[in-house]
């Protein structure tokens, strides 16, 4: 098992609790059936290359943004959804970068919605992937290793 796979569940669970004050549970990947509404990606840049990708449905994206910005779900804008997903993805990448040998930095987060091209977010080979369920829906976090 890859180090990223072992680290994903506790890291993402801690992030979700500390940032959104909600509990999540791991799902089997085959049980994940959300159609991604928004996808965030952050590159880990250094001696090794990796990309952390966060994907979720619309309800979860809106609930996360509402919680982060302390506003009602009805008042959440597309920009706030992008900001919330960018921050969740960035914090996940920051927590996982310590698993790579040597010094690493983070790229700026890239966030795309379901109508935009997301192929450029996924670079390399998948080395870890987990699905999670929250009160507002399911989401995935994956790590891909490889060059840009």
C-alpha atoms as a PDB file:
ATOM      1  CA  UNK A   1       0.000   0.000   0.000  1.00  0.00           C
ATOM      2  CA  UNK A   2       1.340   3.434  -0.947  1.00  0.00           C
ATOM      3  CA  UNK A   3       2.059   5.922   1.866  1.00  0.00           C
ATOM      4  CA  UNK A   4      -0.508   8.322   0.385  1.00  0.00           C
ATOM      5  CA  UNK A   5      -3.226   5.667   0.596  1.00  0.00           C
ATOM      6  CA  UNK A   6      -2.501   5.050   4.292  1.00  0.00           C
ATOM      7  CA  UNK A   7      -2.478   8.784   5.015  1.00  0.00           C
ATOM      8  CA  UNK A   8      -5.578   9.864   3.101  1.00  0.00           C
ATOM      9  CA  UNK A   9      -8.336   8.763   5.465  1.00  0.00           C
ATOM     10  CA  UNK A  10      -6.941  10.230   8.693  1.00  0.00           C
ATOM     11  CA  UNK A  11      -5.695  13.407   6.989  1.00  0.00           C
ATOM     12  CA  UNK A  12      -8.959  14.158   5.186  1.00  0.00           C
ATOM     13  CA  UNK A  13     -11.051  13.248   8.240  1.00  0.00           C
ATOM     14  CA  UNK A  14      -9.025  15.692  10.375  1.00  0.00           C
ATOM     15  CA  UNK A  15      -9.234  18.436   7.739  1.00  0.00           C
ATOM     16  CA  UNK A  16     -12.997  18.008   7.350  1.00  0.00           C
ATOM     17  CA  UNK A  17     -13.535  18.202  11.090  1.00  0.00           C
ATOM     18  CA  UNK A  18     -11.192  21.154  11.700  1.00  0.00           C
ATOM     19  CA  UNK A  19     -12.419  23.243   8.753  1.00  0.00           C
ATOM     20  CA  UNK A  20     -16.118  22.338   8.590  1.00  0.00           C
ATOM     21  CA  UNK A  21     -16.893  20.832  12.022  1.00  0.00           C
ATOM     22  CA  UNK A  22     -18.454  17.783  10.385  1.00  0.00           C
ATOM     23  CA  UNK A  23     -17.657  14.119  10.586  1.00  0.00           C
ATOM     24  CA  UNK A  24     -17.095  12.006   7.495  1.00  0.00           C
ATOM     25  CA  UNK A  25     -16.847   8.273   6.907  1.00  0.00           C
ATOM     26  CA  UNK A  26     -14.845   6.411   4.303  1.00  0.00           C
ATOM     27  CA  UNK A  27     -16.807   4.787   1.480  1.00  0.00           C
ATOM     28  CA  UNK A  28     -15.744   1.951  -0.786  1.00  0.00           C
ATOM     29  CA  UNK A  29     -14.753   3.549  -4.101  1.00  0.00           C
ATOM     30  CA  UNK A  30     -17.321   1.433  -5.942  1.00  0.00           C
ATOM     31  CA  UNK A  31     -20.044   3.024  -3.780  1.00  0.00           C
ATOM     32  CA  UNK A  32     -19.124   6.546  -4.921  1.00  0.00           C
ATOM     33  CA  UNK A  33     -21.740   7.570  -7.463  1.00  0.00           C
ATOM     34  CA  UNK A  34     -21.748  11.380  -7.300  1.00  0.00           C
ATOM     35  CA  UNK A  35     -21.504  13.212 -10.592  1.00  0.00           C
ATOM     36  CA  UNK A  36     -18.669  15.679  -9.972  1.00  0.00           C
ATOM     37  CA  UNK A  37     -19.928  19.254  -9.904  1.00  0.00           C
ATOM     38  CA  UNK A  38     -16.574  20.773  -9.048  1.00  0.00           C
ATOM     39  CA  UNK A  39     -12.992  19.454  -9.043  1.00  0.00           C
ATOM     40  CA  UNK A  40      -9.951  21.028  -7.403  1.00  0.00           C
ATOM     41  CA  UNK A  41      -6.313  20.195  -8.007  1.00  0.00           C
ATOM     42  CA  UNK A  42      -3.000  21.183  -6.388  1.00  0.00           C
ATOM     43  CA  UNK A  43       0.442  20.116  -7.623  1.00  0.00           C
ATOM     44  CA  UNK A  44       3.140  19.103  -5.153  1.00  0.00           C
ATOM     45  CA  UNK A  45       6.309  20.474  -6.723  1.00  0.00           C
ATOM     46  CA  UNK A  46       9.821  19.380  -5.783  1.00  0.00           C
ATOM     47  CA  UNK A  47      12.084  16.334  -6.115  1.00  0.00           C
ATOM     48  CA  UNK A  48       9.021  14.195  -6.763  1.00  0.00           C
ATOM     49  CA  UNK A  49       5.874  15.344  -8.551  1.00  0.00           C
ATOM     50  CA  UNK A  50       2.321  14.619  -7.444  1.00  0.00           C
ATOM     51  CA  UNK A  51      -1.169  16.081  -7.819  1.00  0.00           C
ATOM     52  CA  UNK A  52      -3.902  16.049  -5.168  1.00  0.00           C
ATOM     53  CA  UNK A  53      -7.411  16.098  -6.680  1.00  0.00           C
ATOM     54  CA  UNK A  54     -10.652  16.767  -4.759  1.00  0.00           C
ATOM     55  CA  UNK A  55     -14.019  16.051  -6.429  1.00  0.00           C
ATOM     56  CA  UNK A  56     -17.563  16.517  -5.125  1.00  0.00           C
ATOM     57  CA  UNK A  57     -21.179  17.074  -6.035  1.00  0.00           C
ATOM     58  CA  UNK A  58     -23.056  20.380  -5.970  1.00  0.00           C
ATOM     59  CA  UNK A  59     -24.823  19.988  -2.622  1.00  0.00           C
ATOM     60  CA  UNK A  60     -21.614  19.218  -0.776  1.00  0.00           C
ATOM     61  CA  UNK A  61     -19.761  22.079  -2.515  1.00  0.00           C
ATOM     62  CA  UNK A  62     -22.484  24.545  -1.526  1.00  0.00           C
ATOM     63  CA  UNK A  63     -22.678  23.256   2.069  1.00  0.00           C
ATOM     64  CA  UNK A  64     -18.882  23.438   2.465  1.00  0.00           C
ATOM     65  CA  UNK A  65     -18.793  27.010   1.124  1.00  0.00           C
ATOM     66  CA  UNK A  66     -21.689  28.049   3.363  1.00  0.00           C
ATOM     67  CA  UNK A  67     -19.907  26.632   6.403  1.00  0.00           C
ATOM     68  CA  UNK A  68     -16.553  28.196   5.529  1.00  0.00           C
ATOM     69  CA  UNK A  69     -18.001  31.656   4.825  1.00  0.00           C
ATOM     70  CA  UNK A  70     -20.699  31.503   7.536  1.00  0.00           C
ATOM     71  CA  UNK A  71     -23.541  32.227   5.114  1.00  0.00           C
ATOM     72  CA  UNK A  72     -26.712  30.388   4.161  1.00  0.00           C
ATOM     73  CA  UNK A  73     -26.551  27.750   1.452  1.00  0.00           C
ATOM     74  CA  UNK A  74     -28.986  29.813  -0.621  1.00  0.00           C
ATOM     75  CA  UNK A  75     -26.566  32.767  -0.591  1.00  0.00           C
ATOM     76  CA  UNK A  76     -23.500  30.821  -1.764  1.00  0.00           C
ATOM     77  CA  UNK A  77     -22.077  32.111  -5.056  1.00  0.00           C
ATOM     78  CA  UNK A  78     -20.093  30.196  -7.661  1.00  0.00           C
ATOM     79  CA  UNK A  79     -17.002  32.187  -6.626  1.00  0.00           C
ATOM     80  CA  UNK A  80     -17.435  31.089  -3.001  1.00  0.00           C
ATOM     81  CA  UNK A  81     -17.783  27.463  -4.114  1.00  0.00           C
ATOM     82  CA  UNK A  82     -14.519  27.781  -6.064  1.00  0.00           C
ATOM     83  CA  UNK A  83     -12.780  29.405  -3.085  1.00  0.00           C
ATOM     84  CA  UNK A  84     -13.978  26.726  -0.665  1.00  0.00           C
ATOM     85  CA  UNK A  85     -12.949  23.841  -2.934  1.00  0.00           C
ATOM     86  CA  UNK A  86      -9.601  25.526  -3.603  1.00  0.00           C
ATOM     87  CA  UNK A  87      -8.958  25.850   0.128  1.00  0.00           C
ATOM     88  CA  UNK A  88      -9.988  22.265   0.927  1.00  0.00           C
ATOM     89  CA  UNK A  89      -7.760  20.967  -1.876  1.00  0.00           C
ATOM     90  CA  UNK A  90      -4.855  23.189  -0.833  1.00  0.00           C
ATOM     91  CA  UNK A  91      -5.039  22.104   2.815  1.00  0.00           C
ATOM     92  CA  UNK A  92      -5.211  18.432   1.783  1.00  0.00           C
ATOM     93  CA  UNK A  93      -2.150  18.852  -0.448  1.00  0.00           C
ATOM     94  CA  UNK A  94      -0.293  20.673   2.316  1.00  0.00           C
ATOM     95  CA  UNK A  95      -0.997  17.838   4.737  1.00  0.00           C
ATOM     96  CA  UNK A  96       0.131  15.183   2.255  1.00  0.00           C
ATOM     97  CA  UNK A  97       3.293  16.848   0.904  1.00  0.00           C
ATOM     98  CA  UNK A  98       5.325  15.652   3.885  1.00  0.00           C
ATOM     99  CA  UNK A  99       5.022  12.095   2.572  1.00  0.00           C
ATOM    100  CA  UNK A 100       7.260  12.906  -0.401  1.00  0.00           C
ATOM    101  CA  UNK A 101      11.054  12.822   0.010  1.00  0.00           C
ATOM    102  CA  UNK A 102      12.814  16.191   0.026  1.00  0.00           C
ATOM    103  CA  UNK A 103      11.413  19.692   0.008  1.00  0.00           C
ATOM    104  CA  UNK A 104       8.190  20.397  -1.847  1.00  0.00           C
ATOM    105  CA  UNK A 105       6.053  23.419  -2.547  1.00  0.00           C
ATOM    106  CA  UNK A 106       2.449  23.714  -3.612  1.00  0.00           C
ATOM    107  CA  UNK A 107       1.048  25.148  -6.806  1.00  0.00           C
ATOM    108  CA  UNK A 108      -1.882  27.492  -6.622  1.00  0.00           C
ATOM    109  CA  UNK A 109      -5.134  25.521  -6.560  1.00  0.00           C
ATOM    110  CA  UNK A 110      -6.989  25.037  -9.836  1.00  0.00           C
ATOM    111  CA  UNK A 111     -10.756  24.573  -9.628  1.00  0.00           C
ATOM    112  CA  UNK A 112     -13.019  23.636 -12.520  1.00  0.00           C
ATOM    113  CA  UNK A 113     -16.723  22.890 -12.687  1.00  0.00           C
ATOM    114  CA  UNK A 114     -18.360  20.050 -14.565  1.00  0.00           C
ATOM    115  CA  UNK A 115     -18.658  22.167 -17.706  1.00  0.00           C
ATOM    116  CA  UNK A 116     -14.947  22.937 -17.908  1.00  0.00           C
ATOM    117  CA  UNK A 117     -12.061  20.773 -19.044  1.00  0.00           C
ATOM    118  CA  UNK A 118     -10.598  18.962 -16.043  1.00  0.00           C
ATOM    119  CA  UNK A 119      -8.156  16.651 -17.808  1.00  0.00           C
ATOM    120  CA  UNK A 120      -5.287  19.054 -17.148  1.00  0.00           C
ATOM    121  CA  UNK A 121      -5.763  18.583 -13.373  1.00  0.00           C
ATOM    122  CA  UNK A 122      -4.967  14.873 -13.461  1.00  0.00           C
ATOM    123  CA  UNK A 123      -1.308  14.242 -14.213  1.00  0.00           C
ATOM    124  CA  UNK A 124       0.618  11.043 -13.656  1.00  0.00           C
ATOM    125  CA  UNK A 125      -0.485   7.674 -12.365  1.00  0.00           C
ATOM    126  CA  UNK A 126      -3.002   7.205  -9.536  1.00  0.00           C
ATOM    127  CA  UNK A 127      -1.335   6.055  -6.318  1.00  0.00           C
ATOM    128  CA  UNK A 128      -4.127   6.714  -3.813  1.00  0.00           C
ATOM    129  CA  UNK A 129      -7.840   7.330  -3.930  1.00  0.00           C
ATOM    130  CA  UNK A 130     -10.527   7.392  -1.270  1.00  0.00           C
ATOM    131  CA  UNK A 131     -14.217   8.204  -1.242  1.00  0.00           C
ATOM    132  CA  UNK A 132     -15.961   9.746   1.739  1.00  0.00           C
ATOM    133  CA  UNK A 133     -19.542  10.442   2.799  1.00  0.00           C
ATOM    134  CA  UNK A 134     -20.658  13.514   4.703  1.00  0.00           C
ATOM    135  CA  UNK A 135     -24.073  14.793   5.706  1.00  0.00           C
ATOM    136  CA  UNK A 136     -24.186  16.746   2.410  1.00  0.00           C
ATOM    137  CA  UNK A 137     -23.029  14.046   0.012  1.00  0.00           C
ATOM    138  CA  UNK A 138     -20.004  12.104  -1.076  1.00  0.00           C
ATOM    139  CA  UNK A 139     -16.612  13.232  -2.357  1.00  0.00           C
ATOM    140  CA  UNK A 140     -13.277  11.785  -3.416  1.00  0.00           C
ATOM    141  CA  UNK A 141      -9.666  12.714  -2.839  1.00  0.00           C
ATOM    142  CA  UNK A 142      -7.030  11.182  -5.100  1.00  0.00           C
ATOM    143  CA  UNK A 143      -3.269  11.481  -5.477  1.00  0.00           C
ATOM    144  CA  UNK A 144      -1.500  11.067  -8.799  1.00  0.00           C
ATOM    145  CA  UNK A 145       2.298  10.771  -9.048  1.00  0.00           C
ATOM    146  CA  UNK A 146       4.268  11.725 -12.083  1.00  0.00           C
ATOM    147  CA  UNK A 147       5.601  14.582 -14.144  1.00  0.00           C
ATOM    148  CA  UNK A 148       3.593  17.556 -15.326  1.00  0.00           C
END
